Amino acid sequence: MNIEVWVLATVLPETNEPALPAVFADEAAARRYYDEAIRAEWDNVIGRDFEEPYPGDPDDAQRRLRLLAGGEWGSWELSCHDLEIAS
C-alpha cells in the first residue's frame, strides 16, 4: 500500500541541509502549517524592519523575504513523498 506524506522543513542557508522537519499525512494541514511558519518569519523580519503586509501566499512571501532580508535568511521547503507500507 502506498501513502503520501508531506514534509515541511526549514533549510539552513550555510549548509543547504533541512532542519526542524514536521511530517503530515494531510496536504491541507501541511499547507496551513507552512503558511503559519512563513507568516511568523514575515512578522519577525519584514513586519519589524520594512512594515510591508504579508502577501498571502507563503511561496511569494519567501521570495520577498530573500530579496528584502538578504541571502543569510533561511528558507522553508514543503515536499511530498510517496511511502510504501508493507502489509
N, C-alpha and C. Protein backbone atom coordinates (compact mmCIF):
# COMPACT_ATOMS: atom_id res chain seq x y z
N MET A 1 0.84 -1.16 0.00
CA MET A 1 0.00 0.00 0.00
C MET A 1 0.90 1.24 0.00
N ASN A 2 0.55 2.23 -0.82
CA ASN A 2 1.30 3.48 -0.88
C ASN A 2 0.52 4.60 -0.21
N ILE A 3 1.22 5.46 0.49
CA ILE A 3 0.62 6.65 1.08
C ILE A 3 1.51 7.84 0.76
N GLU A 4 0.91 9.03 0.81
CA GLU A 4 1.67 10.26 0.64
C GLU A 4 1.85 10.91 2.00
N VAL A 5 3.03 11.43 2.25
CA VAL A 5 3.28 12.26 3.42
C VAL A 5 3.88 13.57 2.94
N TRP A 6 3.61 14.60 3.69
CA TRP A 6 4.12 15.93 3.38
C TRP A 6 5.11 16.31 4.45
N VAL A 7 6.27 16.82 4.04
CA VAL A 7 7.33 17.20 4.97
C VAL A 7 7.61 18.69 4.80
N LEU A 8 7.55 19.41 5.90
CA LEU A 8 7.91 20.82 5.92
C LEU A 8 9.16 20.95 6.76
N ALA A 9 10.17 21.57 6.20
CA ALA A 9 11.43 21.76 6.93
C ALA A 9 12.03 23.10 6.54
N THR A 10 12.70 23.72 7.48
CA THR A 10 13.48 24.90 7.14
C THR A 10 14.80 24.40 6.55
N VAL A 11 15.40 25.20 5.72
CA VAL A 11 16.67 24.83 5.07
C VAL A 11 17.72 25.81 5.55
N LEU A 12 18.79 25.28 6.14
CA LEU A 12 19.85 26.13 6.66
C LEU A 12 20.64 26.74 5.51
N PRO A 13 20.78 28.06 5.48
CA PRO A 13 21.42 28.70 4.33
C PRO A 13 22.90 28.37 4.17
N GLU A 14 23.60 28.16 5.28
CA GLU A 14 25.04 27.92 5.16
C GLU A 14 25.38 26.51 4.70
N THR A 15 24.51 25.54 4.92
CA THR A 15 24.80 24.15 4.53
C THR A 15 23.79 23.56 3.56
N ASN A 16 22.67 24.25 3.35
CA ASN A 16 21.59 23.77 2.49
C ASN A 16 21.02 22.44 2.97
N GLU A 17 21.05 22.22 4.28
CA GLU A 17 20.52 21.00 4.88
C GLU A 17 19.19 21.29 5.56
N PRO A 18 18.27 20.32 5.55
CA PRO A 18 16.99 20.53 6.22
C PRO A 18 17.15 20.53 7.74
N ALA A 19 16.25 21.27 8.40
CA ALA A 19 16.23 21.31 9.87
C ALA A 19 14.78 21.48 10.32
N LEU A 20 14.50 21.10 11.54
CA LEU A 20 13.18 21.23 12.14
C LEU A 20 12.07 20.62 11.28
N PRO A 21 12.21 19.38 10.83
CA PRO A 21 11.16 18.81 9.97
C PRO A 21 9.87 18.53 10.73
N ALA A 22 8.76 18.72 10.04
CA ALA A 22 7.43 18.35 10.54
C ALA A 22 6.80 17.50 9.44
N VAL A 23 6.19 16.38 9.82
CA VAL A 23 5.62 15.44 8.85
C VAL A 23 4.10 15.42 9.01
N PHE A 24 3.40 15.44 7.87
CA PHE A 24 1.94 15.48 7.86
C PHE A 24 1.41 14.40 6.92
N ALA A 25 0.29 13.82 7.29
CA ALA A 25 -0.39 12.85 6.42
C ALA A 25 -1.44 13.53 5.56
N ASP A 26 -1.70 14.81 5.83
CA ASP A 26 -2.74 15.56 5.14
C ASP A 26 -2.14 16.80 4.49
N GLU A 27 -2.33 16.95 3.18
CA GLU A 27 -1.76 18.09 2.46
C GLU A 27 -2.29 19.43 2.99
N ALA A 28 -3.58 19.50 3.24
CA ALA A 28 -4.17 20.76 3.72
C ALA A 28 -3.56 21.19 5.05
N ALA A 29 -3.35 20.25 5.95
CA ALA A 29 -2.73 20.56 7.24
C ALA A 29 -1.30 21.03 7.05
N ALA A 30 -0.57 20.37 6.15
CA ALA A 30 0.81 20.76 5.87
C ALA A 30 0.87 22.17 5.31
N ARG A 31 -0.03 22.49 4.40
CA ARG A 31 -0.04 23.84 3.81
C ARG A 31 -0.43 24.91 4.83
N ARG A 32 -1.35 24.60 5.73
CA ARG A 32 -1.71 25.55 6.80
C ARG A 32 -0.51 25.83 7.71
N TYR A 33 0.20 24.77 8.08
CA TYR A 33 1.36 24.92 8.95
C TYR A 33 2.47 25.70 8.24
N TYR A 34 2.66 25.44 6.96
CA TYR A 34 3.63 26.16 6.14
C TYR A 34 3.30 27.66 6.14
N ASP A 35 2.04 27.98 5.91
CA ASP A 35 1.62 29.38 5.91
C ASP A 35 1.87 30.02 7.28
N GLU A 36 1.56 29.31 8.36
CA GLU A 36 1.80 29.83 9.71
C GLU A 36 3.29 30.09 9.94
N ALA A 37 4.13 29.15 9.49
CA ALA A 37 5.58 29.30 9.70
C ALA A 37 6.12 30.51 8.94
N ILE A 38 5.69 30.67 7.69
CA ILE A 38 6.18 31.80 6.90
C ILE A 38 5.62 33.12 7.42
N ARG A 39 4.37 33.12 7.88
CA ARG A 39 3.81 34.35 8.48
C ARG A 39 4.63 34.76 9.70
N ALA A 40 5.05 33.79 10.50
CA ALA A 40 5.87 34.11 11.68
C ALA A 40 7.22 34.68 11.25
N GLU A 41 7.84 34.09 10.22
CA GLU A 41 9.10 34.62 9.69
C GLU A 41 8.88 36.05 9.18
N TRP A 42 7.78 36.24 8.44
CA TRP A 42 7.47 37.55 7.87
C TRP A 42 7.33 38.59 8.98
N ASP A 43 6.57 38.24 10.01
CA ASP A 43 6.36 39.18 11.12
C ASP A 43 7.66 39.51 11.83
N ASN A 44 8.53 38.50 11.98
CA ASN A 44 9.82 38.72 12.63
C ASN A 44 10.74 39.61 11.83
N VAL A 45 10.80 39.42 10.52
CA VAL A 45 11.77 40.11 9.69
C VAL A 45 11.17 41.32 8.99
N ILE A 46 10.16 41.10 8.20
CA ILE A 46 9.61 42.16 7.37
C ILE A 46 8.74 43.13 8.17
N GLY A 47 7.86 42.60 8.98
CA GLY A 47 6.99 43.46 9.77
C GLY A 47 7.76 44.41 10.67
N ARG A 48 8.87 43.93 11.19
CA ARG A 48 9.68 44.74 12.11
C ARG A 48 10.53 45.77 11.36
N ASP A 49 11.15 45.36 10.25
CA ASP A 49 12.11 46.23 9.57
C ASP A 49 11.56 46.98 8.36
N PHE A 50 10.54 46.43 7.71
CA PHE A 50 10.08 47.01 6.45
C PHE A 50 8.61 47.42 6.45
N GLU A 51 7.84 46.92 7.41
CA GLU A 51 6.42 47.24 7.55
C GLU A 51 5.62 47.02 6.26
N GLU A 52 5.86 45.91 5.58
CA GLU A 52 5.06 45.53 4.42
C GLU A 52 4.05 44.48 4.84
N PRO A 53 2.84 44.50 4.26
CA PRO A 53 1.85 43.48 4.63
C PRO A 53 2.22 42.11 4.06
N TYR A 54 1.83 41.07 4.78
CA TYR A 54 2.06 39.70 4.32
C TYR A 54 1.36 39.51 2.98
N PRO A 55 2.05 38.95 1.97
CA PRO A 55 1.45 38.83 0.64
C PRO A 55 0.32 37.82 0.52
N GLY A 56 0.13 36.94 1.50
CA GLY A 56 -0.97 35.98 1.44
C GLY A 56 -0.58 34.62 0.91
N ASP A 57 0.49 34.52 0.16
CA ASP A 57 0.97 33.25 -0.38
C ASP A 57 2.35 32.97 0.21
N PRO A 58 2.54 31.81 0.89
CA PRO A 58 3.83 31.57 1.53
C PRO A 58 5.00 31.48 0.55
N ASP A 59 4.78 30.97 -0.65
CA ASP A 59 5.87 30.92 -1.64
C ASP A 59 6.29 32.33 -2.05
N ASP A 60 5.31 33.19 -2.30
CA ASP A 60 5.61 34.58 -2.65
C ASP A 60 6.28 35.29 -1.48
N ALA A 61 5.80 35.03 -0.28
CA ALA A 61 6.41 35.65 0.90
C ALA A 61 7.87 35.24 1.04
N GLN A 62 8.18 33.98 0.78
CA GLN A 62 9.59 33.53 0.86
C GLN A 62 10.46 34.24 -0.16
N ARG A 63 9.97 34.37 -1.38
CA ARG A 63 10.75 35.07 -2.41
C ARG A 63 11.04 36.50 -1.96
N ARG A 64 10.02 37.16 -1.43
CA ARG A 64 10.20 38.54 -1.00
C ARG A 64 11.10 38.63 0.23
N LEU A 65 11.02 37.66 1.13
CA LEU A 65 11.92 37.64 2.29
C LEU A 65 13.37 37.57 1.84
N ARG A 66 13.65 36.70 0.88
CA ARG A 66 15.03 36.58 0.40
C ARG A 66 15.51 37.88 -0.26
N LEU A 67 14.63 38.54 -0.99
CA LEU A 67 15.00 39.81 -1.62
C LEU A 67 15.24 40.91 -0.60
N LEU A 68 14.36 41.02 0.37
CA LEU A 68 14.44 42.11 1.34
C LEU A 68 15.42 41.84 2.48
N ALA A 69 15.47 40.60 2.95
CA ALA A 69 16.30 40.29 4.12
C ALA A 69 17.69 39.81 3.75
N GLY A 70 17.90 39.43 2.50
CA GLY A 70 19.22 39.02 2.08
C GLY A 70 19.42 37.52 2.12
N GLY A 71 20.56 37.09 1.62
CA GLY A 71 20.87 35.67 1.46
C GLY A 71 21.07 34.91 2.76
N GLU A 72 21.32 35.62 3.86
CA GLU A 72 21.54 34.90 5.12
C GLU A 72 20.24 34.37 5.70
N TRP A 73 19.11 34.80 5.17
CA TRP A 73 17.83 34.32 5.67
C TRP A 73 17.60 32.91 5.16
N GLY A 74 17.21 32.00 6.04
CA GLY A 74 16.92 30.62 5.66
C GLY A 74 15.59 30.53 4.94
N SER A 75 15.33 29.42 4.31
CA SER A 75 14.07 29.24 3.61
C SER A 75 13.38 27.98 4.12
N TRP A 76 12.14 27.80 3.72
CA TRP A 76 11.35 26.63 4.08
C TRP A 76 11.03 25.87 2.82
N GLU A 77 10.91 24.55 2.96
CA GLU A 77 10.55 23.70 1.83
C GLU A 77 9.44 22.76 2.24
N LEU A 78 8.39 22.71 1.41
CA LEU A 78 7.29 21.76 1.60
C LEU A 78 7.37 20.76 0.47
N SER A 79 7.52 19.49 0.82
CA SER A 79 7.67 18.46 -0.21
C SER A 79 6.76 17.27 0.09
N CYS A 80 6.37 16.59 -0.98
CA CYS A 80 5.50 15.42 -0.88
C CYS A 80 6.33 14.18 -1.17
N HIS A 81 6.10 13.12 -0.39
CA HIS A 81 6.84 11.87 -0.55
C HIS A 81 5.88 10.70 -0.56
N ASP A 82 6.09 9.78 -1.49
CA ASP A 82 5.31 8.55 -1.53
C ASP A 82 6.02 7.51 -0.70
N LEU A 83 5.29 6.89 0.21
CA LEU A 83 5.85 5.82 1.03
C LEU A 83 5.10 4.53 0.75
N GLU A 84 5.85 3.47 0.71
CA GLU A 84 5.24 2.16 0.55
C GLU A 84 5.19 1.50 1.91
N ILE A 85 4.00 1.10 2.31
CA ILE A 85 3.79 0.44 3.59
C ILE A 85 3.64 -1.07 3.32
N ALA A 86 4.50 -1.84 3.92
CA ALA A 86 4.40 -3.30 3.75
C ALA A 86 3.21 -3.83 4.54
N SER A 87 2.48 -4.76 3.93
CA SER A 87 1.33 -5.30 4.65
C SER A 87 1.61 -6.68 5.20
